Protein backbone atom coordinates (compact mmCIF):
# COMPACT_ATOMS: atom_id res chain seq x y z
CA MET A 1 -25.83 68.34 37.18
CA THR A 2 -24.17 69.53 40.18
CA ASP A 3 -24.29 66.19 42.01
CA TRP A 4 -21.88 64.67 39.52
CA VAL A 5 -19.46 67.49 40.03
CA LEU A 6 -19.49 67.18 43.64
CA ILE A 7 -19.18 63.32 43.23
CA ILE A 8 -16.12 63.70 40.98
CA ILE A 9 -14.51 66.41 43.38
CA ALA A 10 -14.82 64.15 46.39
CA ALA A 11 -13.32 61.28 44.24
CA ILE A 12 -10.36 63.42 43.52
CA ALA A 13 -10.05 64.69 46.86
CA CYS A 14 -10.00 60.90 48.06
CA TYR A 15 -7.20 59.84 45.84
CA ALA A 16 -5.26 62.90 46.62
CA PHE A 17 -5.69 61.94 50.49
CA VAL A 18 -4.63 58.48 49.71
CA ALA A 19 -1.49 59.44 47.61
CA TYR A 20 -0.61 61.90 50.45
CA LEU A 21 -0.66 58.83 52.95
CA GLU A 22 1.29 56.74 50.68
CA HIS A 23 3.83 59.61 50.31
CA LYS A 24 4.10 60.21 54.09
CA LYS A 25 4.50 56.19 54.67
CA LYS A 26 7.29 56.22 52.10
CA LEU A 27 9.05 59.12 53.51
CA ASP A 28 8.74 57.71 57.04
CA LEU A 29 10.22 54.52 55.70
CA ILE A 30 13.28 56.23 54.15
CA ASP A 31 13.78 58.00 57.39
CA ARG A 32 13.84 54.90 59.40
CA GLY A 33 15.95 53.13 56.67
CA LEU A 34 13.39 50.30 56.08
CA TRP A 35 12.48 51.37 52.44
CA LYS A 36 13.59 48.89 49.69
CA PRO A 37 12.90 50.38 46.28
CA GLU A 38 12.50 46.98 44.56
CA GLU A 39 9.62 46.17 46.58
CA LYS A 40 7.44 48.98 45.29
CA GLN A 41 7.63 47.82 41.54
CA GLU A 42 4.30 46.93 40.18
CA LYS A 43 3.74 43.49 38.53
CA PRO A 44 2.49 43.54 34.68
CA GLU A 45 -0.04 40.97 36.04
CA HIS A 46 -1.86 43.71 37.96
CA LYS A 47 -2.52 45.76 34.99
CA LEU A 48 -3.99 42.80 33.22
CA ILE A 49 -6.12 41.95 36.24
CA THR A 50 -7.36 45.41 36.51
CA GLY A 51 -7.72 45.78 32.74
CA LEU A 52 -10.02 42.90 32.50
CA PHE A 53 -11.99 43.77 35.60
CA PHE A 54 -12.71 47.34 34.00
CA PHE A 55 -13.44 45.80 30.65
CA LEU A 56 -16.15 43.09 32.06
CA LEU A 57 -17.52 45.92 34.34
CA GLY A 58 -18.02 48.08 31.23
CA VAL A 59 -19.68 45.09 29.21
CA ALA A 60 -21.85 44.71 32.15
CA LEU A 61 -23.08 48.25 32.25
CA LEU A 62 -23.84 48.12 28.45
CA ILE A 63 -25.76 45.13 28.78
CA GLY A 64 -27.40 46.18 32.14
CA SER A 65 -28.48 49.51 30.19
CA TYR A 66 -31.03 47.45 27.91
CA PHE A 67 -32.91 46.55 31.13
CA VAL A 68 -33.50 49.72 33.11
CA GLU A 69 -35.60 52.78 32.85
CA PRO A 70 -35.19 54.92 29.51
CA ASP A 71 -34.08 57.95 32.05
CA LEU A 72 -31.01 56.03 33.03
CA VAL A 73 -30.17 54.43 29.61
CA SER A 74 -27.73 57.17 28.23
CA GLY A 75 -25.71 57.55 31.83
CA LEU A 76 -25.12 53.78 31.85
CA ARG A 77 -24.23 53.57 28.23
CA ILE A 78 -21.64 56.53 28.59
CA SER A 79 -20.52 54.82 31.76
CA GLY A 80 -20.05 51.47 30.30
CA LEU A 81 -18.14 52.92 27.18
CA LEU A 82 -15.76 54.89 29.38
CA THR A 83 -15.17 51.86 31.53
CA ILE A 84 -14.56 49.73 28.73
CA ALA A 85 -11.95 52.08 27.32
CA ALA A 86 -10.23 52.21 30.61
CA GLY A 87 -10.15 48.57 30.58
CA MET A 88 -8.84 48.37 27.06
CA ALA A 89 -6.01 51.08 27.90
CA LEU A 90 -4.90 48.86 30.72
CA LEU A 91 -4.89 45.84 28.60
CA VAL A 92 -3.02 47.55 26.03
CA ALA A 93 -0.46 49.06 28.75
CA TYR A 94 -0.13 45.44 29.91
CA ALA A 95 0.64 44.10 26.31
CA ILE A 96 3.29 46.78 25.81
CA GLY A 97 4.88 46.35 29.42
CA LYS A 98 5.08 42.57 28.69
CA LYS A 99 6.94 43.16 25.39
CA ILE A 100 9.31 45.65 27.18
CA LEU A 101 10.20 43.21 29.80
CA THR A 102 10.49 40.34 27.65
CA PRO A 103 13.89 39.63 26.20
CA VAL A 104 14.23 39.28 22.51
């Protein structure tokens, strides 16, 4: 059980470090006068691609859970369901973002 906690803590620490580096990069660009705010806007297609990736990864984990040892089945199924949920959330965010950006 403590292995999973350590993995989660390490993942959060890595994410925080990357976010810190991005922030420092942005501040450095602002100081030099090279930063353009419109460059950093995320395209909705990125959410679509990421959502499809997570959704299909979750499906693969669920299908793979039927072919592994019984000890790993519950963990793979939970991981698959969580990954599918993340993919669906990104797909919904893409659909909502696309409707907001589309002129009526």
